[in-house]
Amino acid sequence: MKKTHFLLLALVIAFSSLALAPKKHFKDGIYKGESQSKYAAEPYWGQVSLEIKNDTISSFTFLIIDKEKNEVFGPDYEKHFKDNALYVDQCRHEVKGIKTYTDAFIKQKNMAQVDAITGATWSYNLFKDALNAALEKAYEK
């Protein structure tokens, strides 16, 4: 009888440890995602490229592309608005947002830990939705 109880206890422990083992959520590989988020009337697309190894993001990039001009939205992009100080200022906020969001995500590896910054909500939304598009492709179903 004691032997049966011991065997039963051993099986329960073995199955419990299997249930507690971390499950893989993402397939290894390189994944790309892009999104216009809620800005479908604009030519801008957030683009993410990430590599996953052993359920961890090992490399990550984020860009915003103006598909009309075929140009990366970056520090020089404000030249298109040189006569509009408000837009130049907005471009600077968004460029800061792109760097801030990318750095925070690389460090945290968790979008829930990446906060939008004042004046850069547009780049945040493009970032978040492009990241989600890439992760959907990587998600182990």
N, C-alpha and C. Protein backbone atom coordinates (compact mmCIF):
# COMPACT_ATOMS: atom_id res chain seq x y z
N MET A 1 0.82 -1.18 0.00
CA MET A 1 0.00 0.00 0.00
C MET A 1 0.87 1.25 0.00
N LYS A 2 1.91 1.28 0.84
CA LYS A 2 2.80 2.43 0.90
C LYS A 2 3.48 2.64 -0.45
N LYS A 3 3.83 1.56 -1.11
CA LYS A 3 4.48 1.64 -2.41
C LYS A 3 3.56 2.30 -3.43
N THR A 4 2.28 1.97 -3.40
CA THR A 4 1.29 2.55 -4.31
C THR A 4 1.13 4.04 -4.05
N HIS A 5 1.06 4.44 -2.78
CA HIS A 5 0.96 5.87 -2.43
C HIS A 5 2.19 6.64 -2.90
N PHE A 6 3.35 6.02 -2.70
CA PHE A 6 4.59 6.67 -3.12
C PHE A 6 4.61 6.85 -4.63
N LEU A 7 4.22 5.81 -5.38
CA LEU A 7 4.19 5.88 -6.83
C LEU A 7 3.20 6.95 -7.30
N LEU A 8 2.04 6.98 -6.67
CA LEU A 8 1.02 7.98 -7.01
C LEU A 8 1.54 9.39 -6.74
N LEU A 9 2.19 9.58 -5.60
CA LEU A 9 2.76 10.88 -5.25
C LEU A 9 3.85 11.28 -6.24
N ALA A 10 4.68 10.34 -6.64
CA ALA A 10 5.74 10.61 -7.61
C ALA A 10 5.16 11.03 -8.95
N LEU A 11 4.09 10.37 -9.39
CA LEU A 11 3.43 10.74 -10.66
C LEU A 11 2.82 12.13 -10.58
N VAL A 12 2.18 12.44 -9.48
CA VAL A 12 1.58 13.76 -9.30
C VAL A 12 2.66 14.84 -9.36
N ILE A 13 3.78 14.61 -8.69
CA ILE A 13 4.88 15.58 -8.71
C ILE A 13 5.45 15.72 -10.11
N ALA A 14 5.63 14.62 -10.80
CA ALA A 14 6.19 14.66 -12.16
C ALA A 14 5.28 15.44 -13.10
N PHE A 15 3.99 15.17 -13.07
CA PHE A 15 3.06 15.89 -13.95
C PHE A 15 2.92 17.36 -13.56
N SER A 16 3.00 17.63 -12.27
CA SER A 16 2.94 19.03 -11.82
C SER A 16 4.13 19.82 -12.32
N SER A 17 5.30 19.21 -12.28
CA SER A 17 6.49 19.93 -12.74
C SER A 17 6.43 20.17 -14.25
N LEU A 18 5.84 19.25 -15.00
CA LEU A 18 5.67 19.47 -16.44
C LEU A 18 4.72 20.63 -16.69
N ALA A 19 3.67 20.71 -15.91
CA ALA A 19 2.69 21.79 -16.09
C ALA A 19 3.30 23.15 -15.73
N LEU A 20 4.25 23.15 -14.81
CA LEU A 20 4.87 24.41 -14.39
C LEU A 20 6.04 24.81 -15.27
N ALA A 21 6.50 23.90 -16.12
CA ALA A 21 7.64 24.22 -16.99
C ALA A 21 7.22 25.34 -17.94
N PRO A 22 8.15 26.28 -18.19
CA PRO A 22 7.79 27.39 -19.07
C PRO A 22 7.51 26.88 -20.48
N LYS A 23 6.42 27.39 -21.05
CA LYS A 23 6.06 27.00 -22.40
C LYS A 23 6.61 28.01 -23.38
N LYS A 24 7.02 27.51 -24.51
CA LYS A 24 7.54 28.38 -25.55
C LYS A 24 6.36 29.10 -26.20
N HIS A 25 6.48 30.41 -26.34
CA HIS A 25 5.41 31.20 -26.92
C HIS A 25 5.69 31.63 -28.35
N PHE A 26 6.96 31.76 -28.71
CA PHE A 26 7.33 32.28 -30.02
C PHE A 26 8.25 31.33 -30.76
N LYS A 27 8.08 31.27 -32.08
CA LYS A 27 8.94 30.46 -32.93
C LYS A 27 10.24 31.23 -33.19
N ASP A 28 11.34 30.53 -33.22
CA ASP A 28 12.61 31.15 -33.58
C ASP A 28 12.53 31.64 -35.02
N GLY A 29 13.16 32.78 -35.28
CA GLY A 29 13.19 33.30 -36.64
C GLY A 29 13.23 34.81 -36.67
N ILE A 30 13.21 35.35 -37.88
CA ILE A 30 13.18 36.80 -38.08
C ILE A 30 11.78 37.15 -38.58
N TYR A 31 11.19 38.14 -37.94
CA TYR A 31 9.81 38.52 -38.25
C TYR A 31 9.73 40.03 -38.50
N LYS A 32 8.91 40.37 -39.46
CA LYS A 32 8.70 41.78 -39.79
C LYS A 32 7.22 42.09 -39.65
N GLY A 33 6.95 43.28 -39.18
CA GLY A 33 5.57 43.73 -39.06
C GLY A 33 5.51 45.19 -39.45
N GLU A 34 4.40 45.56 -40.05
CA GLU A 34 4.21 46.98 -40.36
C GLU A 34 2.76 47.35 -40.16
N SER A 35 2.56 48.63 -39.88
CA SER A 35 1.21 49.10 -39.63
C SER A 35 1.14 50.61 -39.85
N GLN A 36 -0.02 51.04 -40.30
CA GLN A 36 -0.32 52.47 -40.35
C GLN A 36 -1.07 52.88 -39.09
N SER A 37 -1.32 51.94 -38.22
CA SER A 37 -2.09 52.16 -37.02
C SER A 37 -3.42 52.78 -37.40
N LYS A 38 -3.81 53.85 -36.75
CA LYS A 38 -5.09 54.49 -37.08
C LYS A 38 -4.93 55.65 -38.05
N TYR A 39 -3.78 55.71 -38.71
CA TYR A 39 -3.46 56.84 -39.61
C TYR A 39 -3.50 56.41 -41.07
N ALA A 40 -4.54 55.70 -41.45
CA ALA A 40 -4.64 55.12 -42.80
C ALA A 40 -4.67 56.17 -43.91
N ALA A 41 -5.02 57.39 -43.60
CA ALA A 41 -5.07 58.45 -44.62
C ALA A 41 -3.69 59.05 -44.89
N GLU A 42 -2.70 58.66 -44.08
CA GLU A 42 -1.35 59.20 -44.23
C GLU A 42 -0.44 58.15 -44.87
N PRO A 43 0.67 58.57 -45.49
CA PRO A 43 1.54 57.62 -46.17
C PRO A 43 2.60 56.97 -45.25
N TYR A 44 2.46 57.13 -43.95
CA TYR A 44 3.47 56.67 -43.00
C TYR A 44 3.16 55.27 -42.48
N TRP A 45 4.19 54.45 -42.44
CA TRP A 45 4.08 53.09 -41.94
C TRP A 45 5.16 52.84 -40.90
N GLY A 46 4.76 52.33 -39.74
CA GLY A 46 5.72 51.84 -38.77
C GLY A 46 6.18 50.47 -39.21
N GLN A 47 7.49 50.23 -39.17
CA GLN A 47 8.03 48.93 -39.58
C GLN A 47 8.95 48.40 -38.49
N VAL A 48 8.68 47.18 -38.08
CA VAL A 48 9.47 46.49 -37.06
C VAL A 48 10.10 45.27 -37.68
N SER A 49 11.34 45.02 -37.31
CA SER A 49 12.02 43.77 -37.65
C SER A 49 12.60 43.25 -36.34
N LEU A 50 12.31 41.99 -36.05
CA LEU A 50 12.85 41.41 -34.82
C LEU A 50 13.28 39.98 -35.06
N GLU A 51 14.25 39.55 -34.28
CA GLU A 51 14.71 38.17 -34.33
C GLU A 51 14.44 37.53 -32.99
N ILE A 52 13.90 36.33 -33.03
CA ILE A 52 13.60 35.60 -31.81
C ILE A 52 14.45 34.33 -31.77
N LYS A 53 15.12 34.15 -30.64
CA LYS A 53 15.89 32.93 -30.38
C LYS A 53 15.53 32.45 -28.98
N ASN A 54 15.14 31.20 -28.88
CA ASN A 54 14.81 30.61 -27.57
C ASN A 54 13.79 31.44 -26.80
N ASP A 55 12.75 31.87 -27.50
CA ASP A 55 11.64 32.61 -26.90
C ASP A 55 12.04 33.99 -26.38
N THR A 56 13.16 34.52 -26.88
CA THR A 56 13.63 35.84 -26.47
C THR A 56 13.95 36.66 -27.71
N ILE A 57 13.61 37.92 -27.67
CA ILE A 57 13.94 38.82 -28.77
C ILE A 57 15.43 39.14 -28.68
N SER A 58 16.17 38.76 -29.72
CA SER A 58 17.62 38.95 -29.70
C SER A 58 18.05 40.17 -30.51
N SER A 59 17.25 40.62 -31.45
CA SER A 59 17.55 41.87 -32.16
C SER A 59 16.24 42.53 -32.54
N PHE A 60 16.29 43.86 -32.66
CA PHE A 60 15.06 44.61 -32.86
C PHE A 60 15.37 45.95 -33.54
N THR A 61 14.57 46.29 -34.54
CA THR A 61 14.66 47.62 -35.15
C THR A 61 13.25 48.15 -35.40
N PHE A 62 13.14 49.46 -35.37
CA PHE A 62 11.88 50.14 -35.65
C PHE A 62 12.16 51.37 -36.50
N LEU A 63 11.42 51.49 -37.58
CA LEU A 63 11.50 52.67 -38.46
C LEU A 63 10.10 53.13 -38.79
N ILE A 64 10.00 54.41 -39.12
CA ILE A 64 8.78 54.91 -39.74
C ILE A 64 9.16 55.31 -41.15
N ILE A 65 8.41 54.79 -42.11
CA ILE A 65 8.69 55.03 -43.53
C ILE A 65 7.57 55.86 -44.13
N ASP A 66 7.95 56.91 -44.84
CA ASP A 66 7.00 57.67 -45.66
C ASP A 66 7.00 56.97 -47.02
N LYS A 67 5.98 56.20 -47.30
CA LYS A 67 5.94 55.42 -48.54
C LYS A 67 5.64 56.28 -49.76
N GLU A 68 5.13 57.47 -49.54
CA GLU A 68 4.91 58.39 -50.66
C GLU A 68 6.24 58.96 -51.16
N LYS A 69 7.09 59.33 -50.22
CA LYS A 69 8.40 59.90 -50.55
C LYS A 69 9.49 58.83 -50.58
N ASN A 70 9.15 57.61 -50.17
CA ASN A 70 10.11 56.52 -50.04
C ASN A 70 11.31 56.97 -49.19
N GLU A 71 10.98 57.46 -48.01
CA GLU A 71 11.98 58.07 -47.12
C GLU A 71 11.73 57.65 -45.68
N VAL A 72 12.82 57.42 -44.95
CA VAL A 72 12.72 57.12 -43.53
C VAL A 72 12.45 58.41 -42.77
N PHE A 73 11.48 58.35 -41.86
CA PHE A 73 11.19 59.48 -40.99
C PHE A 73 12.29 59.51 -39.92
N GLY A 74 13.10 60.55 -39.94
CA GLY A 74 14.21 60.66 -39.00
C GLY A 74 14.55 62.12 -38.76
N PRO A 75 15.71 62.39 -38.19
CA PRO A 75 16.09 63.76 -37.84
C PRO A 75 16.05 64.74 -39.01
N ASP A 76 16.30 64.28 -40.22
CA ASP A 76 16.31 65.18 -41.38
C ASP A 76 14.93 65.37 -41.99
N TYR A 77 13.95 64.64 -41.52
CA TYR A 77 12.62 64.70 -42.15
C TYR A 77 11.95 66.06 -41.99
N GLU A 78 12.32 66.80 -40.97
CA GLU A 78 11.70 68.11 -40.73
C GLU A 78 11.92 69.08 -41.89
N LYS A 79 12.88 68.81 -42.79
CA LYS A 79 13.13 69.68 -43.94
C LYS A 79 11.88 69.86 -44.79
N HIS A 80 10.98 68.89 -44.74
CA HIS A 80 9.74 68.98 -45.52
C HIS A 80 8.77 70.01 -44.93
N PHE A 81 9.04 70.47 -43.73
CA PHE A 81 8.14 71.42 -43.06
C PHE A 81 8.88 72.68 -42.61
N LYS A 82 9.94 73.05 -43.30
CA LYS A 82 10.80 74.14 -42.84
C LYS A 82 10.06 75.46 -42.64
N ASP A 83 8.93 75.63 -43.31
CA ASP A 83 8.16 76.87 -43.16
C ASP A 83 7.04 76.75 -42.13
N ASN A 84 7.01 75.67 -41.41
CA ASN A 84 5.96 75.45 -40.42
C ASN A 84 6.60 75.02 -39.10
N ALA A 85 6.84 75.99 -38.23
CA ALA A 85 7.54 75.73 -36.96
C ALA A 85 6.84 74.68 -36.11
N LEU A 86 5.51 74.67 -36.15
CA LEU A 86 4.76 73.69 -35.37
C LEU A 86 5.06 72.26 -35.84
N TYR A 87 5.11 72.04 -37.15
CA TYR A 87 5.40 70.71 -37.69
C TYR A 87 6.87 70.33 -37.47
N VAL A 88 7.76 71.29 -37.55
CA VAL A 88 9.17 71.01 -37.28
C VAL A 88 9.31 70.52 -35.84
N ASP A 89 8.65 71.21 -34.92
CA ASP A 89 8.69 70.82 -33.51
C ASP A 89 8.08 69.42 -33.33
N GLN A 90 6.97 69.16 -34.02
CA GLN A 90 6.33 67.85 -33.93
C GLN A 90 7.26 66.76 -34.45
N CYS A 91 7.94 67.02 -35.55
CA CYS A 91 8.90 66.05 -36.09
C CYS A 91 9.97 65.72 -35.05
N ARG A 92 10.46 66.74 -34.37
CA ARG A 92 11.50 66.52 -33.36
C ARG A 92 11.00 65.67 -32.20
N HIS A 93 9.75 65.91 -31.78
CA HIS A 93 9.16 65.08 -30.72
C HIS A 93 9.04 63.63 -31.17
N GLU A 94 8.59 63.43 -32.40
CA GLU A 94 8.40 62.06 -32.91
C GLU A 94 9.72 61.33 -33.08
N VAL A 95 10.75 62.01 -33.53
CA VAL A 95 12.08 61.40 -33.66
C VAL A 95 12.58 60.97 -32.28
N LYS A 96 12.37 61.82 -31.29
CA LYS A 96 12.73 61.47 -29.91
C LYS A 96 11.92 60.25 -29.45
N GLY A 97 10.64 60.21 -29.82
CA GLY A 97 9.79 59.08 -29.46
C GLY A 97 10.30 57.78 -30.06
N ILE A 98 10.67 57.81 -31.34
CA ILE A 98 11.17 56.61 -32.01
C ILE A 98 12.36 56.03 -31.25
N LYS A 99 13.30 56.88 -30.89
CA LYS A 99 14.48 56.42 -30.15
C LYS A 99 14.10 55.93 -28.75
N THR A 100 13.27 56.68 -28.07
CA THR A 100 12.86 56.33 -26.71
C THR A 100 12.14 54.99 -26.68
N TYR A 101 11.18 54.80 -27.59
CA TYR A 101 10.40 53.56 -27.60
C TYR A 101 11.28 52.36 -27.95
N THR A 102 12.14 52.54 -28.93
CA THR A 102 13.04 51.45 -29.33
C THR A 102 13.96 51.07 -28.17
N ASP A 103 14.59 52.05 -27.56
CA ASP A 103 15.50 51.78 -26.44
C ASP A 103 14.77 51.11 -25.27
N ALA A 104 13.58 51.61 -24.94
CA ALA A 104 12.82 51.05 -23.82
C ALA A 104 12.41 49.61 -24.11
N PHE A 105 11.98 49.35 -25.33
CA PHE A 105 11.56 47.99 -25.66
C PHE A 105 12.75 47.03 -25.66
N ILE A 106 13.87 47.45 -26.19
CA ILE A 106 15.07 46.59 -26.20
C ILE A 106 15.47 46.26 -24.76
N LYS A 107 15.38 47.23 -23.88
CA LYS A 107 15.75 47.01 -22.48
C LYS A 107 14.72 46.14 -21.75
N GLN A 108 13.44 46.44 -21.90
CA GLN A 108 12.39 45.77 -21.13
C GLN A 108 11.87 44.48 -21.79
N LYS A 109 11.91 44.41 -23.13
CA LYS A 109 11.37 43.28 -23.90
C LYS A 109 9.89 43.06 -23.61
N ASN A 110 9.21 44.17 -23.28
CA ASN A 110 7.80 44.07 -22.91
C ASN A 110 7.11 45.39 -23.26
N MET A 111 6.16 45.34 -24.19
CA MET A 111 5.50 46.56 -24.63
C MET A 111 4.74 47.23 -23.48
N ALA A 112 4.27 46.45 -22.54
CA ALA A 112 3.54 47.02 -21.40
C ALA A 112 4.43 47.93 -20.55
N GLN A 113 5.74 47.80 -20.69
CA GLN A 113 6.69 48.62 -19.94
C GLN A 113 7.15 49.85 -20.73
N VAL A 114 6.62 50.02 -21.95
CA VAL A 114 7.00 51.15 -22.79
C VAL A 114 5.86 52.17 -22.75
N ASP A 115 6.14 53.31 -22.15
CA ASP A 115 5.12 54.36 -22.01
C ASP A 115 5.24 55.37 -23.14
N ALA A 116 4.08 55.87 -23.57
CA ALA A 116 4.07 56.95 -24.55
C ALA A 116 4.61 58.22 -23.88
N ILE A 117 5.35 59.00 -24.67
CA ILE A 117 5.85 60.26 -24.13
C ILE A 117 5.05 61.41 -24.74
N THR A 118 4.92 62.47 -23.99
CA THR A 118 4.18 63.63 -24.43
C THR A 118 4.73 64.17 -25.74
N GLY A 119 3.84 64.38 -26.68
CA GLY A 119 4.23 64.95 -27.97
C GLY A 119 4.65 63.92 -28.99
N ALA A 120 4.63 62.63 -28.62
CA ALA A 120 5.08 61.59 -29.55
C ALA A 120 4.11 60.40 -29.57
N THR A 121 2.84 60.71 -29.51
CA THR A 121 1.82 59.65 -29.51
C THR A 121 1.72 58.98 -30.87
N TRP A 122 1.89 59.73 -31.94
CA TRP A 122 1.83 59.20 -33.30
C TRP A 122 2.86 58.09 -33.49
N SER A 123 4.11 58.36 -33.14
CA SER A 123 5.16 57.34 -33.30
C SER A 123 4.92 56.17 -32.34
N TYR A 124 4.35 56.42 -31.17
CA TYR A 124 4.04 55.35 -30.22
C TYR A 124 3.01 54.39 -30.82
N ASN A 125 1.95 54.94 -31.41
CA ASN A 125 0.92 54.09 -32.00
C ASN A 125 1.46 53.28 -33.18
N LEU A 126 2.27 53.90 -34.02
CA LEU A 126 2.88 53.17 -35.13
C LEU A 126 3.81 52.07 -34.61
N PHE A 127 4.58 52.40 -33.58
CA PHE A 127 5.50 51.43 -32.95
C PHE A 127 4.73 50.23 -32.40
N LYS A 128 3.74 50.51 -31.58
CA LYS A 128 2.97 49.46 -30.91
C LYS A 128 2.29 48.54 -31.92
N ASP A 129 1.65 49.11 -32.93
CA ASP A 129 0.90 48.29 -33.88
C ASP A 129 1.82 47.52 -34.83
N ALA A 130 2.95 48.09 -35.21
CA ALA A 130 3.91 47.36 -36.04
C ALA A 130 4.54 46.21 -35.24
N LEU A 131 4.84 46.46 -33.97
CA LEU A 131 5.38 45.41 -33.11
C LEU A 131 4.38 44.27 -32.96
N ASN A 132 3.13 44.61 -32.73
CA ASN A 132 2.10 43.57 -32.60
C ASN A 132 1.98 42.75 -33.88
N ALA A 133 2.09 43.40 -35.04
CA ALA A 133 2.01 42.69 -36.32
C ALA A 133 3.16 41.69 -36.45
N ALA A 134 4.35 42.07 -36.03
CA ALA A 134 5.51 41.16 -36.09
C ALA A 134 5.35 40.01 -35.10
N LEU A 135 4.92 40.32 -33.89
CA LEU A 135 4.78 39.28 -32.87
C LEU A 135 3.67 38.28 -33.21
N GLU A 136 2.62 38.74 -33.87
CA GLU A 136 1.56 37.82 -34.31
C GLU A 136 2.13 36.75 -35.24
N LYS A 137 3.04 37.14 -36.10
CA LYS A 137 3.66 36.19 -37.03
C LYS A 137 4.55 35.20 -36.28
N ALA A 138 5.15 35.64 -35.20
CA ALA A 138 6.09 34.81 -34.44
C ALA A 138 5.40 33.92 -33.41
N TYR A 139 4.18 34.25 -33.06
CA TYR A 139 3.50 33.55 -31.97
C TYR A 139 3.27 32.07 -32.32
N GLU A 140 3.65 31.21 -31.40
CA GLU A 140 3.49 29.76 -31.56
C GLU A 140 2.02 29.41 -31.31
N LYS A 141 1.38 28.88 -32.32
CA LYS A 141 -0.05 28.55 -32.19
C LYS A 141 -0.25 27.09 -31.93
